Amino acid sequence: LLGEATHGTYEFYRERAEITKRLIKEKGFIAVAVEADWPDAFRVNRYVRGLGQDKNANEALGGFKRFPTWMWRNTVVLEFVEWLREYNASLPSNAGRVGFYGLDLYSLYTSIEAVLNYLNKIDPDAAKRARYRYSCFEHFGEDTQAYGYAATFDMTESCEGEVIDQLIELRRRAGDYASR
């Protein structure tokens, strides 16, 4: 994860991309972790690994719709994503592919929806458990900030335990899910 002194400065973006390429090629890095929502970045991850429905980097970056879209939908990132896909495609079939991962969770409900959609397809019983765990957020509607304030000031119980339980179950079952 390499930052920049300002968001949106071409030179920082270009240098970050070049440094990241060198870390991948010369030092064997296998993950690019970015300051982005994980569902949007996961779509890019699928593209750079040769999966998913997107035909090019521009389509793969199509999930980045919230401000500031220019952080990810710019020429430097577009070129880097295409490079990463080509790099992964050039690796031997038994080699691990470099991933592209988002670290932010500004999209709480989009993230919950992504987990539920995934589980609905591969493990409906686990989807029911996840739906129950995530239900603690429901009385806040789509207002994640209201939940944050309420939990911080002990006006409601935190959903932390439920979310951690869900994460643990997903991690525990990851091998089984990957084989399906």
N, C-alpha and C. Protein backbone atom coordinates (compact mmCIF):
# COMPACT_ATOMS: atom_id res chain seq x y z
N LEU A 1 0.86 -1.17 0.00
CA LEU A 1 0.00 0.00 0.00
C LEU A 1 0.90 1.23 0.00
N LEU A 2 0.89 1.93 -1.10
CA LEU A 2 1.67 3.15 -1.23
C LEU A 2 0.71 4.32 -1.33
N GLY A 3 0.92 5.32 -0.53
CA GLY A 3 0.03 6.47 -0.57
C GLY A 3 0.56 7.56 -1.47
N GLU A 4 -0.05 8.70 -1.39
CA GLU A 4 0.39 9.86 -2.16
C GLU A 4 0.14 11.09 -1.30
N ALA A 5 0.90 12.14 -1.59
CA ALA A 5 0.78 13.37 -0.80
C ALA A 5 -0.54 14.08 -1.07
N THR A 6 -1.07 13.90 -2.26
CA THR A 6 -2.36 14.49 -2.60
C THR A 6 -3.14 13.50 -3.44
N HIS A 7 -4.44 13.51 -3.30
CA HIS A 7 -5.27 12.68 -4.17
C HIS A 7 -5.41 13.37 -5.52
N GLY A 8 -5.18 12.62 -6.57
CA GLY A 8 -5.44 13.13 -7.91
C GLY A 8 -4.25 13.71 -8.63
N THR A 9 -3.07 13.66 -8.05
CA THR A 9 -1.89 14.19 -8.73
C THR A 9 -1.30 13.13 -9.64
N TYR A 10 -1.27 13.42 -10.92
CA TYR A 10 -0.82 12.45 -11.93
C TYR A 10 0.55 11.86 -11.59
N GLU A 11 1.49 12.70 -11.20
CA GLU A 11 2.86 12.23 -10.95
C GLU A 11 2.91 11.20 -9.82
N PHE A 12 2.17 11.43 -8.77
CA PHE A 12 2.14 10.46 -7.67
C PHE A 12 1.53 9.14 -8.14
N TYR A 13 0.45 9.23 -8.88
CA TYR A 13 -0.21 8.02 -9.37
C TYR A 13 0.73 7.24 -10.28
N ARG A 14 1.41 7.95 -11.18
CA ARG A 14 2.33 7.29 -12.12
C ARG A 14 3.47 6.61 -11.36
N GLU A 15 4.09 7.31 -10.43
CA GLU A 15 5.21 6.73 -9.68
C GLU A 15 4.76 5.56 -8.82
N ARG A 16 3.59 5.69 -8.21
CA ARG A 16 3.07 4.58 -7.40
C ARG A 16 2.88 3.34 -8.27
N ALA A 17 2.34 3.51 -9.46
CA ALA A 17 2.14 2.37 -10.36
C ALA A 17 3.48 1.75 -10.73
N GLU A 18 4.47 2.57 -11.04
CA GLU A 18 5.78 2.04 -11.43
C GLU A 18 6.47 1.33 -10.27
N ILE A 19 6.39 1.90 -9.08
CA ILE A 19 6.98 1.24 -7.90
C ILE A 19 6.27 -0.08 -7.64
N THR A 20 4.96 -0.09 -7.75
CA THR A 20 4.19 -1.32 -7.52
C THR A 20 4.57 -2.39 -8.53
N LYS A 21 4.73 -2.03 -9.78
CA LYS A 21 5.16 -3.00 -10.80
C LYS A 21 6.51 -3.61 -10.42
N ARG A 22 7.44 -2.78 -9.99
CA ARG A 22 8.77 -3.29 -9.60
C ARG A 22 8.66 -4.20 -8.38
N LEU A 23 7.84 -3.84 -7.41
CA LEU A 23 7.68 -4.70 -6.23
C LEU A 23 7.13 -6.06 -6.63
N ILE A 24 6.23 -6.08 -7.58
CA ILE A 24 5.65 -7.34 -8.06
C ILE A 24 6.70 -8.15 -8.82
N LYS A 25 7.35 -7.52 -9.80
CA LYS A 25 8.30 -8.23 -10.66
C LYS A 25 9.59 -8.61 -9.94
N GLU A 26 10.13 -7.70 -9.15
CA GLU A 26 11.45 -7.91 -8.58
C GLU A 26 11.44 -8.48 -7.17
N LYS A 27 10.38 -8.25 -6.43
CA LYS A 27 10.34 -8.69 -5.03
C LYS A 27 9.27 -9.73 -4.76
N GLY A 28 8.49 -10.09 -5.77
CA GLY A 28 7.51 -11.16 -5.61
C GLY A 28 6.25 -10.79 -4.86
N PHE A 29 5.92 -9.52 -4.79
CA PHE A 29 4.68 -9.13 -4.11
C PHE A 29 3.49 -9.75 -4.85
N ILE A 30 2.49 -10.20 -4.09
CA ILE A 30 1.34 -10.87 -4.70
C ILE A 30 0.01 -10.19 -4.38
N ALA A 31 0.06 -9.05 -3.72
CA ALA A 31 -1.17 -8.34 -3.38
C ALA A 31 -0.97 -6.85 -3.56
N VAL A 32 -1.94 -6.22 -4.20
CA VAL A 32 -2.00 -4.77 -4.30
C VAL A 32 -3.18 -4.36 -3.44
N ALA A 33 -2.90 -3.70 -2.33
CA ALA A 33 -3.94 -3.26 -1.40
C ALA A 33 -4.14 -1.76 -1.59
N VAL A 34 -5.37 -1.38 -1.89
CA VAL A 34 -5.64 0.01 -2.24
C VAL A 34 -6.68 0.63 -1.31
N GLU A 35 -6.64 1.94 -1.22
CA GLU A 35 -7.61 2.70 -0.42
C GLU A 35 -8.90 2.83 -1.23
N ALA A 36 -9.66 1.73 -1.22
CA ALA A 36 -10.88 1.68 -2.03
C ALA A 36 -11.84 0.70 -1.38
N ASP A 37 -13.12 0.84 -1.70
CA ASP A 37 -14.12 -0.10 -1.18
C ASP A 37 -13.84 -1.49 -1.72
N TRP A 38 -13.96 -2.48 -0.84
CA TRP A 38 -13.59 -3.82 -1.28
C TRP A 38 -14.48 -4.38 -2.37
N PRO A 39 -15.80 -4.14 -2.42
CA PRO A 39 -16.57 -4.71 -3.53
C PRO A 39 -16.13 -4.16 -4.89
N ASP A 40 -15.85 -2.86 -4.95
CA ASP A 40 -15.41 -2.26 -6.21
C ASP A 40 -14.04 -2.81 -6.61
N ALA A 41 -13.14 -2.91 -5.65
CA ALA A 41 -11.81 -3.43 -5.93
C ALA A 41 -11.85 -4.92 -6.25
N PHE A 42 -12.77 -5.66 -5.65
CA PHE A 42 -12.84 -7.09 -5.92
C PHE A 42 -13.24 -7.35 -7.37
N ARG A 43 -14.05 -6.48 -7.92
CA ARG A 43 -14.39 -6.60 -9.34
C ARG A 43 -13.12 -6.47 -10.19
N VAL A 44 -12.27 -5.52 -9.84
CA VAL A 44 -10.98 -5.36 -10.53
C VAL A 44 -10.12 -6.60 -10.29
N ASN A 45 -10.13 -7.11 -9.07
CA ASN A 45 -9.36 -8.31 -8.74
C ASN A 45 -9.74 -9.46 -9.66
N ARG A 46 -11.02 -9.66 -9.86
CA ARG A 46 -11.48 -10.74 -10.75
C ARG A 46 -10.97 -10.50 -12.17
N TYR A 47 -11.00 -9.27 -12.61
CA TYR A 47 -10.54 -8.96 -13.96
C TYR A 47 -9.04 -9.25 -14.12
N VAL A 48 -8.23 -8.76 -13.19
CA VAL A 48 -6.78 -8.95 -13.34
C VAL A 48 -6.38 -10.41 -13.22
N ARG A 49 -7.22 -11.24 -12.65
CA ARG A 49 -6.96 -12.68 -12.56
C ARG A 49 -7.58 -13.45 -13.72
N GLY A 50 -8.19 -12.73 -14.66
CA GLY A 50 -8.77 -13.38 -15.83
C GLY A 50 -10.13 -13.99 -15.57
N LEU A 51 -10.81 -13.50 -14.56
CA LEU A 51 -12.14 -14.01 -14.19
C LEU A 51 -13.17 -12.92 -14.42
N GLY A 52 -14.42 -13.23 -14.18
CA GLY A 52 -15.46 -12.22 -14.25
C GLY A 52 -15.92 -11.96 -15.67
N GLN A 53 -16.80 -10.98 -15.81
CA GLN A 53 -17.45 -10.67 -17.08
C GLN A 53 -16.86 -9.46 -17.80
N ASP A 54 -16.04 -8.69 -17.13
CA ASP A 54 -15.54 -7.45 -17.72
C ASP A 54 -14.58 -7.72 -18.87
N LYS A 55 -14.72 -6.94 -19.94
CA LYS A 55 -13.92 -7.14 -21.15
C LYS A 55 -12.62 -6.33 -21.15
N ASN A 56 -12.56 -5.30 -20.32
CA ASN A 56 -11.35 -4.47 -20.27
C ASN A 56 -11.28 -3.77 -18.91
N ALA A 57 -10.17 -3.09 -18.69
CA ALA A 57 -9.95 -2.43 -17.40
C ALA A 57 -11.00 -1.36 -17.13
N ASN A 58 -11.42 -0.65 -18.15
CA ASN A 58 -12.43 0.39 -17.96
C ASN A 58 -13.72 -0.21 -17.41
N GLU A 59 -14.14 -1.34 -17.95
CA GLU A 59 -15.34 -2.01 -17.42
C GLU A 59 -15.09 -2.50 -16.01
N ALA A 60 -13.92 -3.08 -15.76
CA ALA A 60 -13.61 -3.61 -14.42
C ALA A 60 -13.62 -2.51 -13.37
N LEU A 61 -13.23 -1.31 -13.76
CA LEU A 61 -13.23 -0.17 -12.84
C LEU A 61 -14.60 0.49 -12.75
N GLY A 62 -15.58 -0.06 -13.44
CA GLY A 62 -16.92 0.52 -13.49
C GLY A 62 -17.65 0.55 -12.16
N GLY A 63 -17.21 -0.24 -11.19
CA GLY A 63 -17.84 -0.22 -9.88
C GLY A 63 -17.54 1.04 -9.08
N PHE A 64 -16.48 1.74 -9.44
CA PHE A 64 -16.09 2.96 -8.73
C PHE A 64 -16.98 4.10 -9.20
N LYS A 65 -18.09 4.30 -8.50
CA LYS A 65 -19.07 5.31 -8.92
C LYS A 65 -19.23 6.44 -7.90
N ARG A 66 -18.76 6.22 -6.69
CA ARG A 66 -18.89 7.25 -5.66
C ARG A 66 -17.71 8.21 -5.74
N PHE A 67 -17.95 9.43 -5.28
CA PHE A 67 -16.88 10.42 -5.21
C PHE A 67 -15.78 9.90 -4.29
N PRO A 68 -14.56 10.06 -4.62
CA PRO A 68 -14.02 10.66 -5.84
C PRO A 68 -13.70 9.58 -6.88
N THR A 69 -14.47 9.50 -7.91
CA THR A 69 -14.28 8.46 -8.94
C THR A 69 -12.93 8.61 -9.62
N TRP A 70 -12.44 9.81 -9.75
CA TRP A 70 -11.17 10.03 -10.44
C TRP A 70 -9.98 9.39 -9.73
N MET A 71 -10.14 9.02 -8.47
CA MET A 71 -9.03 8.35 -7.78
C MET A 71 -8.69 7.02 -8.44
N TRP A 72 -9.69 6.35 -8.99
CA TRP A 72 -9.46 5.03 -9.58
C TRP A 72 -9.77 5.00 -11.06
N ARG A 73 -10.59 5.87 -11.53
CA ARG A 73 -10.96 5.86 -12.96
C ARG A 73 -10.15 6.94 -13.68
N ASN A 74 -8.86 6.69 -13.79
CA ASN A 74 -7.96 7.60 -14.49
C ASN A 74 -7.01 6.79 -15.36
N THR A 75 -6.27 7.44 -16.22
CA THR A 75 -5.44 6.72 -17.20
C THR A 75 -4.34 5.90 -16.55
N VAL A 76 -3.74 6.38 -15.47
CA VAL A 76 -2.66 5.63 -14.83
C VAL A 76 -3.19 4.33 -14.25
N VAL A 77 -4.29 4.39 -13.54
CA VAL A 77 -4.86 3.18 -12.95
C VAL A 77 -5.36 2.24 -14.04
N LEU A 78 -5.98 2.78 -15.06
CA LEU A 78 -6.44 1.98 -16.20
C LEU A 78 -5.28 1.19 -16.80
N GLU A 79 -4.18 1.87 -17.06
CA GLU A 79 -3.00 1.21 -17.64
C GLU A 79 -2.42 0.19 -16.67
N PHE A 80 -2.39 0.52 -15.37
CA PHE A 80 -1.85 -0.42 -14.39
C PHE A 80 -2.70 -1.68 -14.31
N VAL A 81 -4.01 -1.53 -14.31
CA VAL A 81 -4.91 -2.69 -14.24
C VAL A 81 -4.71 -3.58 -15.47
N GLU A 82 -4.58 -2.99 -16.65
CA GLU A 82 -4.32 -3.79 -17.86
C GLU A 82 -2.96 -4.48 -17.75
N TRP A 83 -1.96 -3.76 -17.25
CA TRP A 83 -0.64 -4.36 -17.07
C TRP A 83 -0.72 -5.55 -16.12
N LEU A 84 -1.44 -5.38 -15.02
CA LEU A 84 -1.55 -6.44 -14.02
C LEU A 84 -2.24 -7.67 -14.60
N ARG A 85 -3.25 -7.47 -15.40
CA ARG A 85 -3.92 -8.61 -16.06
C ARG A 85 -2.94 -9.32 -16.99
N GLU A 86 -2.21 -8.56 -17.79
CA GLU A 86 -1.23 -9.15 -18.70
C GLU A 86 -0.13 -9.87 -17.93
N TYR A 87 0.33 -9.26 -16.85
CA TYR A 87 1.37 -9.89 -16.03
C TYR A 87 0.87 -11.23 -15.49
N ASN A 88 -0.32 -11.23 -14.90
CA ASN A 88 -0.88 -12.48 -14.38
C ASN A 88 -1.03 -13.53 -15.47
N ALA A 89 -1.47 -13.12 -16.64
CA ALA A 89 -1.67 -14.07 -17.75
C ALA A 89 -0.34 -14.66 -18.22
N SER A 90 0.76 -13.94 -18.02
CA SER A 90 2.07 -14.42 -18.47
C SER A 90 2.70 -15.42 -17.50
N LEU A 91 2.13 -15.56 -16.32
CA LEU A 91 2.70 -16.46 -15.32
C LEU A 91 2.39 -17.92 -15.65
N PRO A 92 3.26 -18.84 -15.22
CA PRO A 92 2.95 -20.26 -15.40
C PRO A 92 1.63 -20.61 -14.69
N SER A 93 0.95 -21.62 -15.17
CA SER A 93 -0.38 -21.95 -14.64
C SER A 93 -0.36 -22.31 -13.16
N ASN A 94 0.77 -22.81 -12.66
CA ASN A 94 0.83 -23.19 -11.25
C ASN A 94 1.28 -22.05 -10.33
N ALA A 95 1.56 -20.90 -10.91
CA ALA A 95 2.00 -19.75 -10.11
C ALA A 95 0.80 -18.99 -9.56
N GLY A 96 0.97 -18.42 -8.39
CA GLY A 96 -0.08 -17.59 -7.81
C GLY A 96 -0.22 -16.29 -8.58
N ARG A 97 -1.41 -15.80 -8.66
CA ARG A 97 -1.69 -14.55 -9.36
C ARG A 97 -1.67 -13.39 -8.38
N VAL A 98 -1.31 -12.23 -8.88
CA VAL A 98 -1.31 -11.02 -8.06
C VAL A 98 -2.75 -10.53 -7.94
N GLY A 99 -3.17 -10.23 -6.72
CA GLY A 99 -4.52 -9.76 -6.48
C GLY A 99 -4.58 -8.26 -6.29
N PHE A 100 -5.78 -7.73 -6.40
CA PHE A 100 -6.06 -6.30 -6.25
C PHE A 100 -7.18 -6.18 -5.22
N TYR A 101 -6.87 -5.63 -4.04
CA TYR A 101 -7.81 -5.67 -2.92
C TYR A 101 -8.10 -4.28 -2.35
N GLY A 102 -9.36 -4.03 -2.06
CA GLY A 102 -9.76 -2.78 -1.42
C GLY A 102 -9.77 -2.94 0.09
N LEU A 103 -9.28 -1.93 0.78
CA LEU A 103 -9.21 -1.97 2.24
C LEU A 103 -10.32 -1.20 2.93
N ASP A 104 -10.99 -0.33 2.21
CA ASP A 104 -12.01 0.52 2.83
C ASP A 104 -13.37 -0.15 2.83
N LEU A 105 -14.19 0.29 3.75
CA LEU A 105 -15.54 -0.25 3.86
C LEU A 105 -16.54 0.89 4.01
N TYR A 106 -16.47 1.84 3.09
CA TYR A 106 -17.46 2.91 3.10
C TYR A 106 -18.80 2.39 2.61
N SER A 107 -18.76 1.29 1.95
CA SER A 107 -19.96 0.71 1.33
C SER A 107 -20.47 -0.45 2.17
N LEU A 108 -20.79 -0.20 3.41
CA LEU A 108 -21.19 -1.26 4.32
C LEU A 108 -22.29 -2.13 3.73
N TYR A 109 -23.35 -1.51 3.24
CA TYR A 109 -24.48 -2.31 2.76
C TYR A 109 -24.19 -2.99 1.43
N THR A 110 -23.38 -2.37 0.59
CA THR A 110 -22.96 -3.03 -0.65
C THR A 110 -22.09 -4.24 -0.32
N SER A 111 -21.26 -4.10 0.70
CA SER A 111 -20.40 -5.21 1.12
C SER A 111 -21.23 -6.35 1.70
N ILE A 112 -22.19 -6.01 2.53
CA ILE A 112 -23.09 -7.03 3.09
C ILE A 112 -23.83 -7.73 1.97
N GLU A 113 -24.32 -6.97 1.01
CA GLU A 113 -25.04 -7.55 -0.12
C GLU A 113 -24.15 -8.50 -0.92
N ALA A 114 -22.88 -8.13 -1.10
CA ALA A 114 -21.95 -8.99 -1.83
C ALA A 114 -21.75 -10.32 -1.10
N VAL A 115 -21.59 -10.26 0.22
CA VAL A 115 -21.43 -11.49 1.01
C VAL A 115 -22.68 -12.35 0.90
N LEU A 116 -23.84 -11.73 1.05
CA LEU A 116 -25.10 -12.49 0.99
C LEU A 116 -25.33 -13.09 -0.39
N ASN A 117 -25.05 -12.34 -1.45
CA ASN A 117 -25.21 -12.88 -2.81
C ASN A 117 -24.31 -14.08 -3.03
N TYR A 118 -23.08 -13.98 -2.56
CA TYR A 118 -22.12 -15.08 -2.69
C TYR A 118 -22.62 -16.31 -1.94
N LEU A 119 -23.01 -16.11 -0.68
CA LEU A 119 -23.47 -17.24 0.12
C LEU A 119 -24.78 -17.82 -0.39
N ASN A 120 -25.68 -16.99 -0.90
CA ASN A 120 -26.93 -17.51 -1.47
C ASN A 120 -26.65 -18.52 -2.58
N LYS A 121 -25.59 -18.28 -3.35
CA LYS A 121 -25.25 -19.17 -4.46
C LYS A 121 -24.59 -20.47 -3.99
N ILE A 122 -23.70 -20.37 -2.99
CA ILE A 122 -22.91 -21.56 -2.66
C ILE A 122 -23.28 -22.23 -1.35
N ASP A 123 -23.95 -21.52 -0.45
CA ASP A 123 -24.28 -22.11 0.84
C ASP A 123 -25.48 -21.37 1.45
N PRO A 124 -26.70 -21.71 1.00
CA PRO A 124 -27.89 -20.99 1.48
C PRO A 124 -28.06 -21.01 3.00
N ASP A 125 -27.66 -22.08 3.67
CA ASP A 125 -27.77 -22.10 5.13
C ASP A 125 -26.85 -21.06 5.76
N ALA A 126 -25.64 -20.95 5.22
CA ALA A 126 -24.71 -19.93 5.72
C ALA A 126 -25.24 -18.53 5.42
N ALA A 127 -25.94 -18.37 4.30
CA ALA A 127 -26.54 -17.08 3.96
C ALA A 127 -27.58 -16.69 5.00
N LYS A 128 -28.35 -17.66 5.47
CA LYS A 128 -29.36 -17.37 6.51
C LYS A 128 -28.68 -16.89 7.79
N ARG A 129 -27.59 -17.58 8.17
CA ARG A 129 -26.86 -17.16 9.38
C ARG A 129 -26.29 -15.75 9.20
N ALA A 130 -25.74 -15.49 8.03
CA ALA A 130 -25.16 -14.16 7.76
C ALA A 130 -26.25 -13.09 7.80
N ARG A 131 -27.38 -13.38 7.20
CA ARG A 131 -28.49 -12.42 7.19
C ARG A 131 -28.89 -12.09 8.63
N TYR A 132 -28.96 -13.11 9.48
CA TYR A 132 -29.31 -12.89 10.89
C TYR A 132 -28.24 -12.02 11.56
N ARG A 133 -26.97 -12.35 11.33
CA ARG A 133 -25.90 -11.58 11.96
C ARG A 133 -25.92 -10.12 11.51
N TYR A 134 -26.13 -9.90 10.24
CA TYR A 134 -26.13 -8.53 9.72
C TYR A 134 -27.41 -7.77 10.06
N SER A 135 -28.41 -8.45 10.55
CA SER A 135 -29.68 -7.78 10.86
C SER A 135 -29.53 -6.73 11.96
N CYS A 136 -28.47 -6.79 12.73
CA CYS A 136 -28.27 -5.79 13.77
C CYS A 136 -28.11 -4.38 13.20
N PHE A 137 -27.78 -4.27 11.91
CA PHE A 137 -27.66 -2.96 11.27
C PHE A 137 -28.99 -2.41 10.76
N GLU A 138 -30.00 -3.26 10.67
CA GLU A 138 -31.23 -2.91 9.95
C GLU A 138 -31.95 -1.68 10.48
N HIS A 139 -32.01 -1.50 11.79
CA HIS A 139 -32.80 -0.37 12.29
C HIS A 139 -32.13 0.99 12.04
N PHE A 140 -30.97 0.99 11.40
CA PHE A 140 -30.33 2.25 11.01
C PHE A 140 -30.54 2.55 9.53
N GLY A 141 -31.26 1.68 8.85
CA GLY A 141 -31.49 1.87 7.42
C GLY A 141 -30.16 1.89 6.68
N GLU A 142 -30.03 2.80 5.76
CA GLU A 142 -28.78 2.92 4.98
C GLU A 142 -27.82 3.93 5.60
N ASP A 143 -28.13 4.41 6.80
CA ASP A 143 -27.33 5.47 7.42
C ASP A 143 -26.24 4.87 8.30
N THR A 144 -25.11 4.55 7.69
CA THR A 144 -24.01 3.94 8.43
C THR A 144 -23.43 4.90 9.46
N GLN A 145 -23.49 6.19 9.17
CA GLN A 145 -22.98 7.16 10.13
C GLN A 145 -23.81 7.16 11.41
N ALA A 146 -25.11 7.00 11.28
CA ALA A 146 -25.97 6.93 12.47
C ALA A 146 -25.61 5.72 13.31
N TYR A 147 -25.36 4.59 12.65
CA TYR A 147 -24.93 3.40 13.39
C TYR A 147 -23.61 3.69 14.11
N GLY A 148 -22.66 4.29 13.40
CA GLY A 148 -21.36 4.59 14.00
C GLY A 148 -21.46 5.46 15.23
N TYR A 149 -22.27 6.51 15.14
CA TYR A 149 -22.46 7.39 16.31
C TYR A 149 -23.12 6.63 17.45
N ALA A 150 -24.17 5.90 17.15
CA ALA A 150 -24.91 5.18 18.19
C ALA A 150 -24.02 4.16 18.89
N ALA A 151 -23.22 3.44 18.13
CA ALA A 151 -22.34 2.43 18.73
C ALA A 151 -21.22 3.08 19.53
N THR A 152 -20.67 4.17 19.01
CA THR A 152 -19.58 4.86 19.69
C THR A 152 -20.02 5.42 21.04
N PHE A 153 -21.23 5.97 21.09
CA PHE A 153 -21.71 6.59 22.31
C PHE A 153 -22.63 5.68 23.12
N ASP A 154 -22.50 4.37 22.90
CA ASP A 154 -23.26 3.35 23.65
C ASP A 154 -24.76 3.59 23.63
N MET A 155 -25.27 4.11 22.54
CA MET A 155 -26.71 4.29 22.39
C MET A 155 -27.36 3.03 21.81
N THR A 156 -26.55 2.14 21.32
CA THR A 156 -27.00 0.84 20.81
C THR A 156 -25.85 -0.13 21.00
N GLU A 157 -26.17 -1.41 20.98
CA GLU A 157 -25.10 -2.39 21.04
C GLU A 157 -24.37 -2.42 19.71
N SER A 158 -23.09 -2.60 19.80
CA SER A 158 -22.27 -2.70 18.60
C SER A 158 -22.57 -4.00 17.86
N CYS A 159 -22.43 -3.97 16.56
CA CYS A 159 -22.59 -5.18 15.74
C CYS A 159 -21.25 -5.90 15.57
N GLU A 160 -20.24 -5.43 16.28
CA GLU A 160 -18.90 -5.97 16.11
C GLU A 160 -18.84 -7.48 16.29
N GLY A 161 -19.46 -7.99 17.34
CA GLY A 161 -19.42 -9.44 17.60
C GLY A 161 -20.03 -10.24 16.47
N GLU A 162 -21.17 -9.79 15.97
CA GLU A 162 -21.83 -10.50 14.87
C GLU A 162 -20.99 -10.48 13.60
N VAL A 163 -20.39 -9.32 13.32
CA VAL A 163 -19.56 -9.20 12.12
C VAL A 163 -18.32 -10.07 12.24
N ILE A 164 -17.70 -10.10 13.41
CA ILE A 164 -16.53 -10.95 13.61
C ILE A 164 -16.91 -12.41 13.49
N ASP A 165 -18.04 -12.81 14.06
CA ASP A 165 -18.51 -14.20 13.91
C ASP A 165 -18.69 -14.55 12.44
N GLN A 166 -19.24 -13.61 11.67
CA GLN A 166 -19.44 -13.86 10.25
C GLN A 166 -18.10 -14.00 9.53
N LEU A 167 -17.17 -13.14 9.85
CA LEU A 167 -15.85 -13.21 9.24
C LEU A 167 -15.16 -14.53 9.56
N ILE A 168 -15.24 -14.94 10.82
CA ILE A 168 -14.62 -16.20 11.23
C ILE A 168 -15.22 -17.37 10.46
N GLU A 169 -16.54 -17.38 10.33
CA GLU A 169 -17.18 -18.47 9.58
C GLU A 169 -16.74 -18.46 8.12
N LEU A 170 -16.70 -17.29 7.50
CA LEU A 170 -16.25 -17.20 6.11
C LEU A 170 -14.82 -17.70 5.96
N ARG A 171 -13.94 -17.28 6.85
CA ARG A 171 -12.54 -17.71 6.79
C ARG A 171 -12.43 -19.22 7.01
N ARG A 172 -13.18 -19.73 7.97
CA ARG A 172 -13.13 -21.16 8.28
C ARG A 172 -13.60 -22.01 7.11
N ARG A 173 -14.58 -21.52 6.38
CA ARG A 173 -15.18 -22.28 5.28
C ARG A 173 -14.57 -21.94 3.92
N ALA A 174 -13.60 -21.05 3.88
CA ALA A 174 -13.04 -20.57 2.60
C ALA A 174 -12.55 -21.71 1.71
N GLY A 175 -11.84 -22.67 2.27
CA GLY A 175 -11.33 -23.79 1.47
C GLY A 175 -12.45 -24.60 0.86
N ASP A 176 -13.47 -24.87 1.66
CA ASP A 176 -14.63 -25.61 1.17
C ASP A 176 -15.34 -24.83 0.07
N TYR A 177 -15.52 -23.54 0.27
CA TYR A 177 -16.20 -22.71 -0.73
C TYR A 177 -15.40 -22.63 -2.02
N ALA A 178 -14.09 -22.53 -1.91
CA ALA A 178 -13.25 -22.42 -3.11
C ALA A 178 -13.32 -23.68 -3.97
N SER A 179 -13.57 -24.82 -3.34
CA SER A 179 -13.61 -26.08 -4.09
C SER A 179 -14.95 -26.31 -4.78
N ARG A 180 -15.93 -25.45 -4.52
CA ARG A 180 -17.26 -25.63 -5.13
C ARG A 180 -17.35 -25.03 -6.50
